[in-house]
């Protein structure tokens, strides 16, 4: 379990570093663009070195697999969980800023849209509960 957690941390770090490097390269000018390229290269190097430890090539170099878990499956799970957590925080933060009125003043249309989304989420929750009950 610890190696799985460590793998998720390393690959998520590399993925975030790659994304932030691309953003830095896109937004900055002149010499600072090189920092974005350096971040992207670092991310790819980190991910490649860690993936090497779980590949058949590490057997020829070290005589055994260092990382003995299914890295592609684990990384797909980690990406899905990371996206889910970020979306959850984003939705909660957006709802907080909207309700508090700190960022946007609400209009009638926005209130109706919020009620519509709430009803749709409630329906989705009911359908999910029914699906869970049927599957048992």
C-alpha atoms as a PDB file:
ATOM      1  CA  UNK A   1       0.000   0.000   0.000  1.00  0.00           C
ATOM      2  CA  UNK A   2       2.835   2.406   0.777  1.00  0.00           C
ATOM      3  CA  UNK A   3       4.449   1.862  -2.619  1.00  0.00           C
ATOM      4  CA  UNK A   4       1.113   2.549  -4.318  1.00  0.00           C
ATOM      5  CA  UNK A   5       0.704   5.784  -2.378  1.00  0.00           C
ATOM      6  CA  UNK A   6       4.267   6.820  -3.175  1.00  0.00           C
ATOM      7  CA  UNK A   7       3.735   6.015  -6.857  1.00  0.00           C
ATOM      8  CA  UNK A   8       0.586   8.142  -6.949  1.00  0.00           C
ATOM      9  CA  UNK A   9       2.398  11.033  -5.270  1.00  0.00           C
ATOM     10  CA  UNK A  10       5.365  10.859  -7.653  1.00  0.00           C
ATOM     11  CA  UNK A  11       3.335  10.567 -10.845  1.00  0.00           C
ATOM     12  CA  UNK A  12       0.788  13.196  -9.794  1.00  0.00           C
ATOM     13  CA  UNK A  13       3.672  15.521  -8.935  1.00  0.00           C
ATOM     14  CA  UNK A  14       5.213  14.900 -12.352  1.00  0.00           C
ATOM     15  CA  UNK A  15       1.867  15.464 -14.086  1.00  0.00           C
ATOM     16  CA  UNK A  16       1.278  18.719 -12.205  1.00  0.00           C
ATOM     17  CA  UNK A  17       4.827  19.855 -12.935  1.00  0.00           C
ATOM     18  CA  UNK A  18       4.288  19.123 -16.625  1.00  0.00           C
ATOM     19  CA  UNK A  19       1.038  21.105 -16.697  1.00  0.00           C
ATOM     20  CA  UNK A  20       2.482  24.029 -14.760  1.00  0.00           C
ATOM     21  CA  UNK A  21       5.565  24.000 -16.973  1.00  0.00           C
ATOM     22  CA  UNK A  22       3.405  24.165 -20.085  1.00  0.00           C
ATOM     23  CA  UNK A  23       1.411  27.014 -18.546  1.00  0.00           C
ATOM     24  CA  UNK A  24       4.612  28.852 -17.615  1.00  0.00           C
ATOM     25  CA  UNK A  25       6.000  28.372 -21.117  1.00  0.00           C
ATOM     26  CA  UNK A  26       2.758  29.685 -22.618  1.00  0.00           C
ATOM     27  CA  UNK A  27       2.272  32.714 -20.348  1.00  0.00           C
ATOM     28  CA  UNK A  28       5.829  33.980 -19.831  1.00  0.00           C
ATOM     29  CA  UNK A  29       8.054  35.940 -22.200  1.00  0.00           C
ATOM     30  CA  UNK A  30      11.719  35.789 -23.215  1.00  0.00           C
ATOM     31  CA  UNK A  31      14.069  34.083 -20.738  1.00  0.00           C
ATOM     32  CA  UNK A  32      11.310  33.047 -18.341  1.00  0.00           C
ATOM     33  CA  UNK A  33       9.859  30.764 -21.020  1.00  0.00           C
ATOM     34  CA  UNK A  34      12.921  28.594 -20.521  1.00  0.00           C
ATOM     35  CA  UNK A  35      11.755  27.919 -16.952  1.00  0.00           C
ATOM     36  CA  UNK A  36       8.597  26.338 -18.318  1.00  0.00           C
ATOM     37  CA  UNK A  37      10.605  24.141 -20.651  1.00  0.00           C
ATOM     38  CA  UNK A  38      12.893  23.161 -17.754  1.00  0.00           C
ATOM     39  CA  UNK A  39       9.858  22.245 -15.631  1.00  0.00           C
ATOM     40  CA  UNK A  40       8.405  20.096 -18.417  1.00  0.00           C
ATOM     41  CA  UNK A  41      11.708  18.307 -19.012  1.00  0.00           C
ATOM     42  CA  UNK A  42      12.066  17.698 -15.261  1.00  0.00           C
ATOM     43  CA  UNK A  43       8.554  16.244 -15.094  1.00  0.00           C
ATOM     44  CA  UNK A  44       9.179  13.910 -18.003  1.00  0.00           C
ATOM     45  CA  UNK A  45      12.496  12.832 -16.522  1.00  0.00           C
ATOM     46  CA  UNK A  46      10.934  12.105 -13.109  1.00  0.00           C
ATOM     47  CA  UNK A  47       8.100  10.074 -14.644  1.00  0.00           C
ATOM     48  CA  UNK A  48      10.413   8.200 -17.020  1.00  0.00           C
ATOM     49  CA  UNK A  49      12.895   7.269 -14.282  1.00  0.00           C
ATOM     50  CA  UNK A  50      10.161   6.042 -11.960  1.00  0.00           C
ATOM     51  CA  UNK A  51       8.449   4.106 -14.752  1.00  0.00           C
ATOM     52  CA  UNK A  52      11.827   2.543 -15.591  1.00  0.00           C
ATOM     53  CA  UNK A  53      11.927   1.030 -12.094  1.00  0.00           C
ATOM     54  CA  UNK A  54       8.721  -0.855 -12.874  1.00  0.00           C
ATOM     55  CA  UNK A  55       9.678  -1.946 -16.386  1.00  0.00           C
ATOM     56  CA  UNK A  56      11.354  -5.079 -17.666  1.00  0.00           C
ATOM     57  CA  UNK A  57      14.484  -3.016 -18.309  1.00  0.00           C
ATOM     58  CA  UNK A  58      15.076  -2.669 -14.564  1.00  0.00           C
ATOM     59  CA  UNK A  59      15.379  -6.471 -14.431  1.00  0.00           C
ATOM     60  CA  UNK A  60      18.381  -6.354 -16.756  1.00  0.00           C
ATOM     61  CA  UNK A  61      19.995  -3.539 -14.771  1.00  0.00           C
ATOM     62  CA  UNK A  62      19.122  -4.489 -11.177  1.00  0.00           C
ATOM     63  CA  UNK A  63      18.252  -8.166 -11.553  1.00  0.00           C
ATOM     64  CA  UNK A  64      14.689  -7.612 -10.279  1.00  0.00           C
ATOM     65  CA  UNK A  65      11.723  -5.284 -10.534  1.00  0.00           C
ATOM     66  CA  UNK A  66      12.023  -2.424  -8.079  1.00  0.00           C
ATOM     67  CA  UNK A  67       8.376  -1.369  -8.420  1.00  0.00           C
ATOM     68  CA  UNK A  68       6.110  -4.423  -8.651  1.00  0.00           C
ATOM     69  CA  UNK A  69       2.724  -2.791  -9.177  1.00  0.00           C
ATOM     70  CA  UNK A  70       0.730  -2.101 -12.334  1.00  0.00           C
ATOM     71  CA  UNK A  71       1.850   1.498 -12.901  1.00  0.00           C
ATOM     72  CA  UNK A  72      -0.437   2.356 -15.868  1.00  0.00           C
ATOM     73  CA  UNK A  73      -3.551   1.171 -14.019  1.00  0.00           C
ATOM     74  CA  UNK A  74      -2.466   2.921 -10.821  1.00  0.00           C
ATOM     75  CA  UNK A  75      -1.758   6.164 -12.666  1.00  0.00           C
ATOM     76  CA  UNK A  76      -5.114   6.082 -14.441  1.00  0.00           C
ATOM     77  CA  UNK A  77      -6.788   5.684 -11.056  1.00  0.00           C
ATOM     78  CA  UNK A  78      -4.691   8.492  -9.582  1.00  0.00           C
ATOM     79  CA  UNK A  79      -5.570  10.863 -12.438  1.00  0.00           C
ATOM     80  CA  UNK A  80      -9.280  10.114 -12.090  1.00  0.00           C
ATOM     81  CA  UNK A  81      -9.149  10.661  -8.320  1.00  0.00           C
ATOM     82  CA  UNK A  82      -7.127  13.868  -8.685  1.00  0.00           C
ATOM     83  CA  UNK A  83      -9.539  15.277 -11.256  1.00  0.00           C
ATOM     84  CA  UNK A  84     -12.459  14.285  -9.041  1.00  0.00           C
ATOM     85  CA  UNK A  85     -10.987  15.965  -5.975  1.00  0.00           C
ATOM     86  CA  UNK A  86     -10.124  19.135  -7.898  1.00  0.00           C
ATOM     87  CA  UNK A  87     -13.607  19.288  -9.416  1.00  0.00           C
ATOM     88  CA  UNK A  88     -15.170  18.787  -5.990  1.00  0.00           C
ATOM     89  CA  UNK A  89     -13.083  21.582  -4.471  1.00  0.00           C
ATOM     90  CA  UNK A  90     -13.803  23.802  -7.469  1.00  0.00           C
ATOM     91  CA  UNK A  91     -17.551  23.251  -7.247  1.00  0.00           C
ATOM     92  CA  UNK A  92     -17.586  23.813  -3.502  1.00  0.00           C
ATOM     93  CA  UNK A  93     -15.409  26.927  -3.810  1.00  0.00           C
ATOM     94  CA  UNK A  94     -17.512  28.292  -6.649  1.00  0.00           C
ATOM     95  CA  UNK A  95     -20.712  27.683  -4.700  1.00  0.00           C
ATOM     96  CA  UNK A  96     -19.210  29.368  -1.634  1.00  0.00           C
ATOM     97  CA  UNK A  97     -18.124  32.444  -3.609  1.00  0.00           C
ATOM     98  CA  UNK A  98     -21.502  32.600  -5.347  1.00  0.00           C
ATOM     99  CA  UNK A  99     -23.531  32.237  -2.145  1.00  0.00           C
ATOM    100  CA  UNK A 100     -21.383  34.671  -0.179  1.00  0.00           C
ATOM    101  CA  UNK A 101     -21.656  37.254  -2.961  1.00  0.00           C
ATOM    102  CA  UNK A 102     -17.952  38.023  -2.712  1.00  0.00           C
ATOM    103  CA  UNK A 103     -17.179  37.421  -6.355  1.00  0.00           C
ATOM    104  CA  UNK A 104     -20.447  37.663  -8.272  1.00  0.00           C
ATOM    105  CA  UNK A 105     -23.761  39.276  -7.411  1.00  0.00           C
ATOM    106  CA  UNK A 106     -26.568  36.828  -8.093  1.00  0.00           C
ATOM    107  CA  UNK A 107     -29.301  37.508 -10.624  1.00  0.00           C
ATOM    108  CA  UNK A 108     -32.676  35.878 -11.161  1.00  0.00           C
ATOM    109  CA  UNK A 109     -31.321  33.726 -13.969  1.00  0.00           C
ATOM    110  CA  UNK A 110     -28.480  32.480 -11.797  1.00  0.00           C
ATOM    111  CA  UNK A 111     -30.899  31.560  -9.005  1.00  0.00           C
ATOM    112  CA  UNK A 112     -33.062  29.595 -11.443  1.00  0.00           C
ATOM    113  CA  UNK A 113     -29.976  27.897 -12.857  1.00  0.00           C
ATOM    114  CA  UNK A 114     -28.820  26.948  -9.337  1.00  0.00           C
ATOM    115  CA  UNK A 115     -32.245  25.473  -8.555  1.00  0.00           C
ATOM    116  CA  UNK A 116     -32.194  23.550 -11.847  1.00  0.00           C
ATOM    117  CA  UNK A 117     -28.727  22.133 -11.134  1.00  0.00           C
ATOM    118  CA  UNK A 118     -29.786  21.184  -7.593  1.00  0.00           C
ATOM    119  CA  UNK A 119     -32.847  19.332  -8.905  1.00  0.00           C
ATOM    120  CA  UNK A 120     -30.742  17.527 -11.537  1.00  0.00           C
ATOM    121  CA  UNK A 121     -28.185  16.495  -8.890  1.00  0.00           C
ATOM    122  CA  UNK A 122     -30.983  15.250  -6.621  1.00  0.00           C
ATOM    123  CA  UNK A 123     -32.413  13.177  -9.469  1.00  0.00           C
ATOM    124  CA  UNK A 124     -28.956  11.781 -10.236  1.00  0.00           C
ATOM    125  CA  UNK A 125     -28.520  10.898  -6.549  1.00  0.00           C
ATOM    126  CA  UNK A 126     -31.865   9.073  -6.469  1.00  0.00           C
ATOM    127  CA  UNK A 127     -31.000   7.157  -9.652  1.00  0.00           C
ATOM    128  CA  UNK A 128     -27.617   6.221  -8.181  1.00  0.00           C
ATOM    129  CA  UNK A 129     -29.241   4.936  -4.976  1.00  0.00           C
ATOM    130  CA  UNK A 130     -31.698   2.886  -7.020  1.00  0.00           C
ATOM    131  CA  UNK A 131     -28.839   1.460  -9.114  1.00  0.00           C
ATOM    132  CA  UNK A 132     -26.961   0.461  -5.958  1.00  0.00           C
ATOM    133  CA  UNK A 133     -30.081  -1.220  -4.554  1.00  0.00           C
ATOM    134  CA  UNK A 134     -30.699  -3.108  -7.801  1.00  0.00           C
ATOM    135  CA  UNK A 135     -27.087  -4.290  -8.005  1.00  0.00           C
ATOM    136  CA  UNK A 136     -27.334  -6.030  -4.616  1.00  0.00           C
END
